[in-house]
Amino acid sequence: MIVDAPQGMESSVPPTVGITSPRLAIVRLHGRRAETWERRNAVVSERYRYLYDERQLRAWTLPIIDIARQHQGVHVLFNNNHANYATTNALEMGELLLRSGLRRGGETTAP
C-alpha cells in the first residue's frame, strides 16, 4: 500500500512506491491536513477534511501510471472523506489519468 498523508509527524508513513505484490497495488490518499492529523479526540471528518488541488493530484499521475504498468491492478482510494471531497478528487484524478493516456488494464496510449 502506498499512502499520501501529512509528513513529519510521529504517525507519518512515507509515500514510498514499492512492489509488494504483482497482482494488486493500492494507493490511498488521506489528505494533508497536518493541523488535525494527530490531534487527540479530533473528529475523524475534520482530520480528513482536505481537498487536493490539481497540482497535488497531477504529482501522483505518473507514479500511478508506473504502478499500473507493474501490477495487474491498481486501486486509488481517496480517504479524504469530508463532504464530497473524496468523490470530487476521484473524478479529477480519473480525468488527469485519462489525459495522461492511462487506459483500463494499465495500458497507456501516451509514449
PDB file of N, CA and C in Angstrom:
ATOM      1  N   MET A   1       0.850  -1.179   0.000  1.00  0.00           N
ATOM      2  CA  MET A   1       0.000   0.000   0.000  1.00  0.00           C
ATOM      3  C   MET A   1       0.888   1.232   0.000  1.00  0.00           C
ATOM      4  N   ILE A   2       0.544   2.179  -0.820  1.00  0.00           N
ATOM      5  CA  ILE A   2       1.227   3.457  -0.927  1.00  0.00           C
ATOM      6  C   ILE A   2       0.296   4.503  -0.334  1.00  0.00           C
ATOM      7  N   VAL A   3       0.807   5.329   0.572  1.00  0.00           N
ATOM      8  CA  VAL A   3      -0.040   6.253   1.323  1.00  0.00           C
ATOM      9  C   VAL A   3       0.413   7.692   1.112  1.00  0.00           C
ATOM     10  N   ASP A   4      -0.554   8.575   0.927  1.00  0.00           N
ATOM     11  CA  ASP A   4      -0.302  10.015   0.926  1.00  0.00           C
ATOM     12  C   ASP A   4      -1.032  10.587   2.132  1.00  0.00           C
ATOM     13  N   ALA A   5      -0.266  11.175   3.035  1.00  0.00           N
ATOM     14  CA  ALA A   5      -0.805  11.754   4.265  1.00  0.00           C
ATOM     15  C   ALA A   5       0.197  12.794   4.759  1.00  0.00           C
ATOM     16  N   PRO A   6      -0.143  13.567   5.781  1.00  0.00           N
ATOM     17  CA  PRO A   6       0.798  14.555   6.300  1.00  0.00           C
ATOM     18  C   PRO A   6       2.134  13.910   6.680  1.00  0.00           C
ATOM     19  N   GLN A   7       3.215  14.576   6.350  1.00  0.00           N
ATOM     20  CA  GLN A   7       4.553  14.079   6.656  1.00  0.00           C
ATOM     21  C   GLN A   7       5.139  14.830   7.848  1.00  0.00           C
ATOM     22  N   GLY A   8       6.170  14.252   8.448  1.00  0.00           N
ATOM     23  CA  GLY A   8       6.865  14.895   9.546  1.00  0.00           C
ATOM     24  C   GLY A   8       6.202  14.724  10.899  1.00  0.00           C
ATOM     25  N   MET A   9       5.289  13.773  10.995  1.00  0.00           N
ATOM     26  CA  MET A   9       4.579  13.520  12.243  1.00  0.00           C
ATOM     27  C   MET A   9       4.987  12.146  12.778  1.00  0.00           C
ATOM     28  N   GLU A  10       4.694  11.921  14.038  1.00  0.00           N
ATOM     29  CA  GLU A  10       5.024  10.639  14.655  1.00  0.00           C
ATOM     30  C   GLU A  10       4.350   9.475  13.930  1.00  0.00           C
ATOM     31  N   SER A  11       3.144   9.678  13.452  1.00  0.00           N
ATOM     32  CA  SER A  11       2.396   8.605  12.787  1.00  0.00           C
ATOM     33  C   SER A  11       2.553   8.608  11.264  1.00  0.00           C
ATOM     34  N   SER A  12       3.419   9.458  10.742  1.00  0.00           N
ATOM     35  CA  SER A  12       3.573   9.570   9.287  1.00  0.00           C
ATOM     36  C   SER A  12       4.101   8.285   8.667  1.00  0.00           C
ATOM     37  N   VAL A  13       3.583   8.003   7.490  1.00  0.00           N
ATOM     38  CA  VAL A  13       4.052   6.901   6.666  1.00  0.00           C
ATOM     39  C   VAL A  13       4.598   7.536   5.395  1.00  0.00           C
ATOM     40  N   PRO A  14       5.872   7.282   5.054  1.00  0.00           N
ATOM     41  CA  PRO A  14       6.404   7.902   3.839  1.00  0.00           C
ATOM     42  C   PRO A  14       5.677   7.404   2.598  1.00  0.00           C
ATOM     43  N   PRO A  15       5.468   8.284   1.614  1.00  0.00           N
ATOM     44  CA  PRO A  15       4.758   7.879   0.385  1.00  0.00           C
ATOM     45  C   PRO A  15       5.662   7.088  -0.560  1.00  0.00           C
ATOM     46  N   THR A  16       6.194   5.985  -0.073  1.00  0.00           N
ATOM     47  CA  THR A  16       7.113   5.145  -0.833  1.00  0.00           C
ATOM     48  C   THR A  16       6.333   4.273  -1.809  1.00  0.00           C
ATOM     49  N   VAL A  17       6.782   4.283  -3.040  1.00  0.00           N
ATOM     50  CA  VAL A  17       6.176   3.432  -4.056  1.00  0.00           C
ATOM     51  C   VAL A  17       7.032   2.179  -4.155  1.00  0.00           C
ATOM     52  N   GLY A  18       6.467   1.067  -3.738  1.00  0.00           N
ATOM     53  CA  GLY A  18       7.189  -0.189  -3.775  1.00  0.00           C
ATOM     54  C   GLY A  18       6.264  -1.339  -4.113  1.00  0.00           C
ATOM     55  N   ILE A  19       6.813  -2.344  -4.730  1.00  0.00           N
ATOM     56  CA  ILE A  19       6.021  -3.505  -5.144  1.00  0.00           C
ATOM     57  C   ILE A  19       6.035  -4.540  -4.025  1.00  0.00           C
ATOM     58  N   THR A  20       4.875  -4.882  -3.532  1.00  0.00           N
ATOM     59  CA  THR A  20       4.754  -5.961  -2.548  1.00  0.00           C
ATOM     60  C   THR A  20       4.028  -7.157  -3.143  1.00  0.00           C
ATOM     61  N   SER A  21       3.255  -6.922  -4.190  1.00  0.00           N
ATOM     62  CA  SER A  21       2.555  -7.996  -4.894  1.00  0.00           C
ATOM     63  C   SER A  21       2.361  -7.567  -6.343  1.00  0.00           C
ATOM     64  N   PRO A  22       2.667  -8.420  -7.299  1.00  0.00           N
ATOM     65  CA  PRO A  22       2.458  -8.048  -8.696  1.00  0.00           C
ATOM     66  C   PRO A  22       0.986  -8.017  -9.098  1.00  0.00           C
ATOM     67  N   ARG A  23       0.118  -8.548  -8.238  1.00  0.00           N
ATOM     68  CA  ARG A  23      -1.297  -8.628  -8.576  1.00  0.00           C
ATOM     69  C   ARG A  23      -2.060  -7.352  -8.300  1.00  0.00           C
ATOM     70  N   LEU A  24      -1.757  -6.668  -7.199  1.00  0.00           N
ATOM     71  CA  LEU A  24      -2.560  -5.520  -6.827  1.00  0.00           C
ATOM     72  C   LEU A  24      -1.738  -4.499  -6.059  1.00  0.00           C
ATOM     73  N   ALA A  25      -1.902  -3.253  -6.433  1.00  0.00           N
ATOM     74  CA  ALA A  25      -1.304  -2.142  -5.691  1.00  0.00           C
ATOM     75  C   ALA A  25      -2.440  -1.228  -5.242  1.00  0.00           C
ATOM     76  N   ILE A  26      -2.301  -0.684  -4.053  1.00  0.00           N
ATOM     77  CA  ILE A  26      -3.297   0.234  -3.521  1.00  0.00           C
ATOM     78  C   ILE A  26      -2.611   1.551  -3.191  1.00  0.00           C
ATOM     79  N   VAL A  27      -3.149   2.626  -3.740  1.00  0.00           N
ATOM     80  CA  VAL A  27      -2.683   3.980  -3.428  1.00  0.00           C
ATOM     81  C   VAL A  27      -3.799   4.613  -2.621  1.00  0.00           C
ATOM     82  N   ARG A  28      -3.473   5.017  -1.409  1.00  0.00           N
ATOM     83  CA  ARG A  28      -4.501   5.566  -0.512  1.00  0.00           C
ATOM     84  C   ARG A  28      -4.141   7.015  -0.191  1.00  0.00           C
ATOM     85  N   LEU A  29      -5.021   7.927  -0.574  1.00  0.00           N
ATOM     86  CA  LEU A  29      -4.787   9.353  -0.363  1.00  0.00           C
ATOM     87  C   LEU A  29      -5.697   9.850   0.750  1.00  0.00           C
ATOM     88  N   HIS A  30      -5.091  10.155   1.889  1.00  0.00           N
ATOM     89  CA  HIS A  30      -5.829  10.572   3.078  1.00  0.00           C
ATOM     90  C   HIS A  30      -6.053  12.070   3.148  1.00  0.00           C
ATOM     91  N   GLY A  31      -5.264  12.839   2.418  1.00  0.00           N
ATOM     92  CA  GLY A  31      -5.274  14.283   2.574  1.00  0.00           C
ATOM     93  C   GLY A  31      -4.040  14.698   3.349  1.00  0.00           C
ATOM     94  N   ARG A  32      -3.832  15.994   3.452  1.00  0.00           N
ATOM     95  CA  ARG A  32      -2.612  16.507   4.084  1.00  0.00           C
ATOM     96  C   ARG A  32      -2.913  17.541   5.151  1.00  0.00           C
ATOM     97  N   ARG A  33      -3.984  17.381   5.837  1.00  0.00           N
ATOM     98  CA  ARG A  33      -4.382  18.359   6.852  1.00  0.00           C
ATOM     99  C   ARG A  33      -3.601  18.106   8.143  1.00  0.00           C
ATOM    100  N   ALA A  34      -2.401  18.629   8.193  1.00  0.00           N
ATOM    101  CA  ALA A  34      -1.466  18.364   9.286  1.00  0.00           C
ATOM    102  C   ALA A  34      -1.967  18.870  10.634  1.00  0.00           C
ATOM    103  N   GLU A  35      -2.676  19.995  10.641  1.00  0.00           N
ATOM    104  CA  GLU A  35      -3.075  20.592  11.924  1.00  0.00           C
ATOM    105  C   GLU A  35      -4.044  19.731  12.733  1.00  0.00           C
ATOM    106  N   THR A  36      -4.734  18.807  12.099  1.00  0.00           N
ATOM    107  CA  THR A  36      -5.662  17.941  12.838  1.00  0.00           C
ATOM    108  C   THR A  36      -5.247  16.467  12.822  1.00  0.00           C
ATOM    109  N   TRP A  37      -4.168  16.142  12.135  1.00  0.00           N
ATOM    110  CA  TRP A  37      -3.809  14.745  11.901  1.00  0.00           C
ATOM    111  C   TRP A  37      -3.587  13.964  13.187  1.00  0.00           C
ATOM    112  N   GLU A  38      -2.845  14.518  14.120  1.00  0.00           N
ATOM    113  CA  GLU A  38      -2.555  13.793  15.359  1.00  0.00           C
ATOM    114  C   GLU A  38      -3.226  14.420  16.579  1.00  0.00           C
ATOM    115  N   ARG A  39      -4.152  15.310  16.366  1.00  0.00           N
ATOM    116  CA  ARG A  39      -4.856  15.946  17.485  1.00  0.00           C
ATOM    117  C   ARG A  39      -5.687  14.914  18.233  1.00  0.00           C
ATOM    118  N   ARG A  40      -5.503  14.889  19.535  1.00  0.00           N
ATOM    119  CA  ARG A  40      -6.285  13.971  20.365  1.00  0.00           C
ATOM    120  C   ARG A  40      -7.756  14.332  20.299  1.00  0.00           C
ATOM    121  N   ASN A  41      -8.573  13.329  20.227  1.00  0.00           N
ATOM    122  CA  ASN A  41     -10.030  13.482  20.196  1.00  0.00           C
ATOM    123  C   ASN A  41     -10.526  14.293  19.002  1.00  0.00           C
ATOM    124  N   ALA A  42      -9.737  14.348  17.963  1.00  0.00           N
ATOM    125  CA  ALA A  42     -10.173  15.060  16.754  1.00  0.00           C
ATOM    126  C   ALA A  42     -11.298  14.271  16.088  1.00  0.00           C
ATOM    127  N   VAL A  43     -12.280  14.978  15.623  1.00  0.00           N
ATOM    128  CA  VAL A  43     -13.363  14.350  14.877  1.00  0.00           C
ATOM    129  C   VAL A  43     -12.766  13.839  13.557  1.00  0.00           C
ATOM    130  N   VAL A  44     -13.057  12.600  13.243  1.00  0.00           N
ATOM    131  CA  VAL A  44     -12.460  11.975  12.062  1.00  0.00           C
ATOM    132  C   VAL A  44     -12.738  12.784  10.804  1.00  0.00           C
ATOM    133  N   SER A  45     -13.948  13.290  10.656  1.00  0.00           N
ATOM    134  CA  SER A  45     -14.266  14.059   9.450  1.00  0.00           C
ATOM    135  C   SER A  45     -13.416  15.320   9.356  1.00  0.00           C
ATOM    136  N   GLU A  46     -12.968  15.856  10.476  1.00  0.00           N
ATOM    137  CA  GLU A  46     -12.089  17.031  10.448  1.00  0.00           C
ATOM    138  C   GLU A  46     -10.656  16.641  10.098  1.00  0.00           C
ATOM    139  N   ARG A  47     -10.237  15.476  10.546  1.00  0.00           N
ATOM    140  CA  ARG A  47      -8.885  15.007  10.220  1.00  0.00           C
ATOM    141  C   ARG A  47      -8.730  14.848   8.705  1.00  0.00           C
ATOM    142  N   TYR A  48      -9.760  14.342   8.058  1.00  0.00           N
ATOM    143  CA  TYR A  48      -9.697  14.073   6.618  1.00  0.00           C
ATOM    144  C   TYR A  48     -10.356  15.172   5.790  1.00  0.00           C
ATOM    145  N   ARG A  49     -10.539  16.332   6.366  1.00  0.00           N
ATOM    146  CA  ARG A  49     -11.143  17.468   5.656  1.00  0.00           C
ATOM    147  C   ARG A  49     -10.061  18.163   4.836  1.00  0.00           C
ATOM    148  N   TYR A  50      -9.807  17.584   3.678  1.00  0.00           N
ATOM    149  CA  TYR A  50      -8.732  18.086   2.824  1.00  0.00           C
ATOM    150  C   TYR A  50      -9.104  17.831   1.373  1.00  0.00           C
ATOM    151  N   LEU A  51      -9.096  18.863   0.596  1.00  0.00           N
ATOM    152  CA  LEU A  51      -9.375  18.749  -0.833  1.00  0.00           C
ATOM    153  C   LEU A  51      -8.065  18.963  -1.583  1.00  0.00           C
ATOM    154  N   TYR A  52      -7.601  17.910  -2.258  1.00  0.00           N
ATOM    155  CA  TYR A  52      -6.373  18.023  -3.041  1.00  0.00           C
ATOM    156  C   TYR A  52      -6.575  19.024  -4.168  1.00  0.00           C
ATOM    157  N   ASP A  53      -5.533  19.808  -4.467  1.00  0.00           N
ATOM    158  CA  ASP A  53      -5.614  20.690  -5.623  1.00  0.00           C
ATOM    159  C   ASP A  53      -5.048  19.959  -6.844  1.00  0.00           C
ATOM    160  N   GLU A  54      -5.238  20.532  -8.001  1.00  0.00           N
ATOM    161  CA  GLU A  54      -4.836  19.857  -9.240  1.00  0.00           C
ATOM    162  C   GLU A  54      -3.345  19.564  -9.277  1.00  0.00           C
ATOM    163  N   ARG A  55      -2.532  20.465  -8.779  1.00  0.00           N
ATOM    164  CA  ARG A  55      -1.078  20.262  -8.771  1.00  0.00           C
ATOM    165  C   ARG A  55      -0.717  19.029  -7.945  1.00  0.00           C
ATOM    166  N   GLN A  56      -1.351  18.873  -6.797  1.00  0.00           N
ATOM    167  CA  GLN A  56      -1.074  17.724  -5.931  1.00  0.00           C
ATOM    168  C   GLN A  56      -1.538  16.419  -6.579  1.00  0.00           C
ATOM    169  N   LEU A  57      -2.682  16.452  -7.216  1.00  0.00           N
ATOM    170  CA  LEU A  57      -3.173  15.254  -7.903  1.00  0.00           C
ATOM    171  C   LEU A  57      -2.289  14.931  -9.104  1.00  0.00           C
ATOM    172  N   ARG A  58      -1.908  15.946  -9.835  1.00  0.00           N
ATOM    173  CA  ARG A  58      -1.053  15.740 -11.013  1.00  0.00           C
ATOM    174  C   ARG A  58       0.269  15.078 -10.609  1.00  0.00           C
ATOM    175  N   ALA A  59       0.788  15.426  -9.428  1.00  0.00           N
ATOM    176  CA  ALA A  59       2.044  14.837  -8.960  1.00  0.00           C
ATOM    177  C   ALA A  59       1.931  13.324  -8.761  1.00  0.00           C
ATOM    178  N   TRP A  60       0.725  12.821  -8.572  1.00  0.00           N
ATOM    179  CA  TRP A  60       0.518  11.390  -8.395  1.00  0.00           C
ATOM    180  C   TRP A  60       0.249  10.659  -9.708  1.00  0.00           C
ATOM    181  N   THR A  61      -0.029  11.365 -10.806  1.00  0.00           N
ATOM    182  CA  THR A  61      -0.416  10.671 -12.041  1.00  0.00           C
ATOM    183  C   THR A  61       0.697   9.780 -12.587  1.00  0.00           C
ATOM    184  N   LEU A  62       1.908  10.283 -12.707  1.00  0.00           N
ATOM    185  CA  LEU A  62       2.989   9.444 -13.249  1.00  0.00           C
ATOM    186  C   LEU A  62       3.316   8.265 -12.335  1.00  0.00           C
ATOM    187  N   PRO A  63       3.406   8.462 -11.010  1.00  0.00           N
ATOM    188  CA  PRO A  63       3.601   7.274 -10.162  1.00  0.00           C
ATOM    189  C   PRO A  63       2.483   6.249 -10.313  1.00  0.00           C
ATOM    190  N   ILE A  64       1.243   6.698 -10.436  1.00  0.00           N
ATOM    191  CA  ILE A  64       0.134   5.750 -10.600  1.00  0.00           C
ATOM    192  C   ILE A  64       0.246   5.016 -11.930  1.00  0.00           C
ATOM    193  N   ILE A  65       0.613   5.719 -12.985  1.00  0.00           N
ATOM    194  CA  ILE A  65       0.807   5.063 -14.284  1.00  0.00           C
ATOM    195  C   ILE A  65       1.928   4.041 -14.204  1.00  0.00           C
ATOM    196  N   ASP A  66       3.038   4.396 -13.553  1.00  0.00           N
ATOM    197  CA  ASP A  66       4.146   3.439 -13.394  1.00  0.00           C
ATOM    198  C   ASP A  66       3.704   2.221 -12.586  1.00  0.00           C
ATOM    199  N   ILE A  67       2.940   2.462 -11.529  1.00  0.00           N
ATOM    200  CA  ILE A  67       2.432   1.361 -10.711  1.00  0.00           C
ATOM    201  C   ILE A  67       1.533   0.465 -11.549  1.00  0.00           C
ATOM    202  N   ALA A  68       0.663   1.066 -12.362  1.00  0.00           N
ATOM    203  CA  ALA A  68      -0.258   0.290 -13.199  1.00  0.00           C
ATOM    204  C   ALA A  68       0.500  -0.589 -14.185  1.00  0.00           C
ATOM    205  N   ARG A  69       1.635  -0.125 -14.662  1.00  0.00           N
ATOM    206  CA  ARG A  69       2.433  -0.910 -15.602  1.00  0.00           C
ATOM    207  C   ARG A  69       3.086  -2.117 -14.933  1.00  0.00           C
ATOM    208  N   GLN A  70       3.281  -2.039 -13.614  1.00  0.00           N
ATOM    209  CA  GLN A  70       3.990  -3.093 -12.897  1.00  0.00           C
ATOM    210  C   GLN A  70       3.064  -4.064 -12.176  1.00  0.00           C
ATOM    211  N   HIS A  71       1.790  -3.787 -12.173  1.00  0.00           N
ATOM    212  CA  HIS A  71       0.827  -4.607 -11.437  1.00  0.00           C
ATOM    213  C   HIS A  71      -0.327  -5.018 -12.339  1.00  0.00           C
ATOM    214  N   GLN A  72      -0.980  -6.083 -11.968  1.00  0.00           N
ATOM    215  CA  GLN A  72      -2.167  -6.500 -12.708  1.00  0.00           C
ATOM    216  C   GLN A  72      -3.339  -5.576 -12.415  1.00  0.00           C
ATOM    217  N   GLY A  73      -3.322  -4.919 -11.269  1.00  0.00           N
ATOM    218  CA  GLY A  73      -4.393  -3.998 -10.901  1.00  0.00           C
ATOM    219  C   GLY A  73      -3.876  -2.936  -9.963  1.00  0.00           C
ATOM    220  N   VAL A  74      -4.458  -1.765 -10.042  1.00  0.00           N
ATOM    221  CA  VAL A  74      -4.129  -0.690  -9.113  1.00  0.00           C
ATOM    222  C   VAL A  74      -5.433  -0.017  -8.700  1.00  0.00           C
ATOM    223  N   HIS A  75      -5.583   0.184  -7.408  1.00  0.00           N
ATOM    224  CA  HIS A  75      -6.749   0.870  -6.864  1.00  0.00           C
ATOM    225  C   HIS A  75      -6.263   2.164  -6.230  1.00  0.00           C
ATOM    226  N   VAL A  76      -6.887   3.269  -6.583  1.00  0.00           N
ATOM    227  CA  VAL A  76      -6.586   4.552  -5.969  1.00  0.00           C
ATOM    228  C   VAL A  76      -7.778   4.907  -5.098  1.00  0.00           C
ATOM    229  N   LEU A  77      -7.547   4.973  -3.802  1.00  0.00           N
ATOM    230  CA  LEU A  77      -8.620   5.227  -2.841  1.00  0.00           C
ATOM    231  C   LEU A  77      -8.426   6.599  -2.215  1.00  0.00           C
ATOM    232  N   PHE A  78      -9.464   7.395  -2.247  1.00  0.00           N
ATOM    233  CA  PHE A  78      -9.429   8.694  -1.586  1.00  0.00           C
ATOM    234  C   PHE A  78     -10.124   8.561  -0.245  1.00  0.00           C
ATOM    235  N   ASN A  79      -9.370   8.806   0.815  1.00  0.00           N
ATOM    236  CA  ASN A  79      -9.899   8.702   2.165  1.00  0.00           C
ATOM    237  C   ASN A  79     -10.112  10.091   2.776  1.00  0.00           C
ATOM    238  N   ASN A  80     -10.097  11.115   1.956  1.00  0.00           N
ATOM    239  CA  ASN A  80     -10.395  12.478   2.420  1.00  0.00           C
ATOM    240  C   ASN A  80     -11.912  12.646   2.386  1.00  0.00           C
ATOM    241  N   ASN A  81     -12.559  11.920   3.304  1.00  0.00           N
ATOM    242  CA  ASN A  81     -13.998  11.700   3.224  1.00  0.00           C
ATOM    243  C   ASN A  81     -14.837  12.748   3.950  1.00  0.00           C
ATOM    244  N   HIS A  82     -14.470  13.982   3.857  1.00  0.00           N
ATOM    245  CA  HIS A  82     -15.302  15.070   4.370  1.00  0.00           C
ATOM    246  C   HIS A  82     -16.187  15.563   3.225  1.00  0.00           C
ATOM    247  N   ALA A  83     -17.460  15.696   3.468  1.00  0.00           N
ATOM    248  CA  ALA A  83     -18.410  16.184   2.449  1.00  0.00           C
ATOM    249  C   ALA A  83     -18.222  15.379   1.167  1.00  0.00           C
ATOM    250  N   ASN A  84     -17.994  16.060   0.057  1.00  0.00           N
ATOM    251  CA  ASN A  84     -17.826  15.376  -1.229  1.00  0.00           C
ATOM    252  C   ASN A  84     -16.373  15.407  -1.705  1.00  0.00           C
ATOM    253  N   TYR A  85     -15.430  15.624  -0.795  1.00  0.00           N
ATOM    254  CA  TYR A  85     -14.028  15.778  -1.185  1.00  0.00           C
ATOM    255  C   TYR A  85     -13.470  14.542  -1.888  1.00  0.00           C
ATOM    256  N   ALA A  86     -13.747  13.350  -1.362  1.00  0.00           N
ATOM    257  CA  ALA A  86     -13.203  12.134  -1.953  1.00  0.00           C
ATOM    258  C   ALA A  86     -13.735  11.910  -3.366  1.00  0.00           C
ATOM    259  N   THR A  87     -15.035  12.069  -3.554  1.00  0.00           N
ATOM    260  CA  THR A  87     -15.595  11.854  -4.893  1.00  0.00           C
ATOM    261  C   THR A  87     -15.132  12.931  -5.864  1.00  0.00           C
ATOM    262  N   THR A  88     -15.026  14.158  -5.391  1.00  0.00           N
ATOM    263  CA  THR A  88     -14.529  15.244  -6.249  1.00  0.00           C
ATOM    264  C   THR A  88     -13.113  14.950  -6.707  1.00  0.00           C
ATOM    265  N   ASN A  89     -12.230  14.593  -5.759  1.00  0.00           N
ATOM    266  CA  ASN A  89     -10.850  14.300  -6.120  1.00  0.00           C
ATOM    267  C   ASN A  89     -10.724  13.038  -6.961  1.00  0.00           C
ATOM    268  N   ALA A  90     -11.575  12.052  -6.731  1.00  0.00           N
ATOM    269  CA  ALA A  90     -11.529  10.836  -7.544  1.00  0.00           C
ATOM    270  C   ALA A  90     -11.890  11.141  -8.996  1.00  0.00           C
ATOM    271  N   LEU A  91     -12.901  11.960  -9.197  1.00  0.00           N
ATOM    272  CA  LEU A  91     -13.267  12.353 -10.565  1.00  0.00           C
ATOM    273  C   LEU A  91     -12.153  13.153 -11.225  1.00  0.00           C
ATOM    274  N   GLU A  92     -11.549  14.061 -10.459  1.00  0.00           N
ATOM    275  CA  GLU A  92     -10.440  14.860 -11.003  1.00  0.00           C
ATOM    276  C   GLU A  92      -9.251  13.970 -11.349  1.00  0.00           C
ATOM    277  N   MET A  93      -8.942  13.011 -10.473  1.00  0.00           N
ATOM    278  CA  MET A  93      -7.820  12.106 -10.734  1.00  0.00           C
ATOM    279  C   MET A  93      -8.102  11.250 -11.965  1.00  0.00           C
ATOM    280  N   GLY A  94      -9.326  10.776 -12.103  1.00  0.00           N
ATOM    281  CA  GLY A  94      -9.686   9.999 -13.283  1.00  0.00           C
ATOM    282  C   GLY A  94      -9.466  10.784 -14.559  1.00  0.00           C
ATOM    283  N   GLU A  95      -9.863  12.041 -14.563  1.00  0.00           N
ATOM    284  CA  GLU A  95      -9.652  12.900 -15.740  1.00  0.00           C
ATOM    285  C   GLU A  95      -8.165  13.098 -16.019  1.00  0.00           C
ATOM    286  N   LEU A  96      -7.386  13.346 -14.977  1.00  0.00           N
ATOM    287  CA  LEU A  96      -5.942  13.525 -15.161  1.00  0.00           C
ATOM    288  C   LEU A  96      -5.297  12.261 -15.715  1.00  0.00           C
ATOM    289  N   LEU A  97      -5.701  11.111 -15.221  1.00  0.00           N
ATOM    290  CA  LEU A  97      -5.133   9.855 -15.716  1.00  0.00           C
ATOM    291  C   LEU A  97      -5.533   9.599 -17.165  1.00  0.00           C
ATOM    292  N   LEU A  98      -6.772   9.895 -17.503  1.00  0.00           N
ATOM    293  CA  LEU A  98      -7.202   9.732 -18.899  1.00  0.00           C
ATOM    294  C   LEU A  98      -6.427  10.669 -19.824  1.00  0.00           C
ATOM    295  N   ARG A  99      -6.248  11.906 -19.391  1.00  0.00           N
ATOM    296  CA  ARG A  99      -5.474  12.861 -20.201  1.00  0.00           C
ATOM    297  C   ARG A  99      -4.010  12.457 -20.312  1.00  0.00           C
ATOM    298  N   SER A 100      -3.515  11.710 -19.313  1.00  0.00           N
ATOM    299  CA  SER A 100      -2.127  11.237 -19.340  1.00  0.00           C
ATOM    300  C   SER A 100      -1.971   9.990 -20.195  1.00  0.00           C
ATOM    301  N   GLY A 101      -3.084   9.428 -20.645  1.00  0.00           N
ATOM    302  CA  GLY A 101      -3.027   8.269 -21.520  1.00  0.00           C
ATOM    303  C   GLY A 101      -3.245   6.940 -20.840  1.00  0.00           C
ATOM    304  N   LEU A 102      -3.585   6.911 -19.549  1.00  0.00           N
ATOM    305  CA  LEU A 102      -3.831   5.639 -18.868  1.00  0.00           C
ATOM    306  C   LEU A 102      -5.188   5.095 -19.280  1.00  0.00           C
ATOM    307  N   ARG A 103      -5.200   3.847 -19.632  1.00  0.00           N
ATOM    308  CA  ARG A 103      -6.439   3.167 -20.010  1.00  0.00           C
ATOM    309  C   ARG A 103      -6.673   2.003 -19.066  1.00  0.00           C
ATOM    310  N   ARG A 104      -7.875   1.516 -19.069  1.00  0.00           N
ATOM    311  CA  ARG A 104      -8.225   0.364 -18.229  1.00  0.00           C
ATOM    312  C   ARG A 104      -7.266  -0.793 -18.515  1.00  0.00           C
ATOM    313  N   GLY A 105      -6.827  -1.433 -17.464  1.00  0.00           N
ATOM    314  CA  GLY A 105      -5.891  -2.548 -17.610  1.00  0.00           C
ATOM    315  C   GLY A 105      -4.440  -2.119 -17.508  1.00  0.00           C
ATOM    316  N   GLY A 106      -4.194  -0.807 -17.294  1.00  0.00           N
ATOM    317  CA  GLY A 106      -2.828  -0.327 -17.122  1.00  0.00           C
ATOM    318  C   GLY A 106      -2.126   0.049 -18.415  1.00  0.00           C
ATOM    319  N   GLU A 107      -2.799  -0.160 -19.566  1.00  0.00           N
ATOM    320  CA  GLU A 107      -2.158   0.222 -20.814  1.00  0.00           C
ATOM    321  C   GLU A 107      -2.167   1.741 -20.940  1.00  0.00           C
ATOM    322  N   THR A 108      -1.197   2.240 -21.666  1.00  0.00           N
ATOM    323  CA  THR A 108      -1.150   3.671 -21.914  1.00  0.00           C
ATOM    324  C   THR A 108      -1.148   3.934 -23.408  1.00  0.00           C
ATOM    325  N   THR A 109      -1.695   5.080 -23.765  1.00  0.00           N
ATOM    326  CA  THR A 109      -1.638   5.493 -25.172  1.00  0.00           C
ATOM    327  C   THR A 109      -0.548   6.530 -25.369  1.00  0.00           C
ATOM    328  N   ALA A 110      -0.082   7.107 -24.266  1.00  0.00           N
ATOM    329  CA  ALA A 110       0.981   8.105 -24.344  1.00  0.00           C
ATOM    330  C   ALA A 110       2.324   7.369 -24.379  1.00  0.00           C
ATOM    331  N   PRO A 111       3.314   7.966 -25.046  1.00  0.00           N
ATOM    332  CA  PRO A 111       4.640   7.307 -25.097  1.00  0.00           C
ATOM    333  C   PRO A 111       5.286   7.241 -23.742  1.00  0.00           C
TER     334      PRO A 111
END
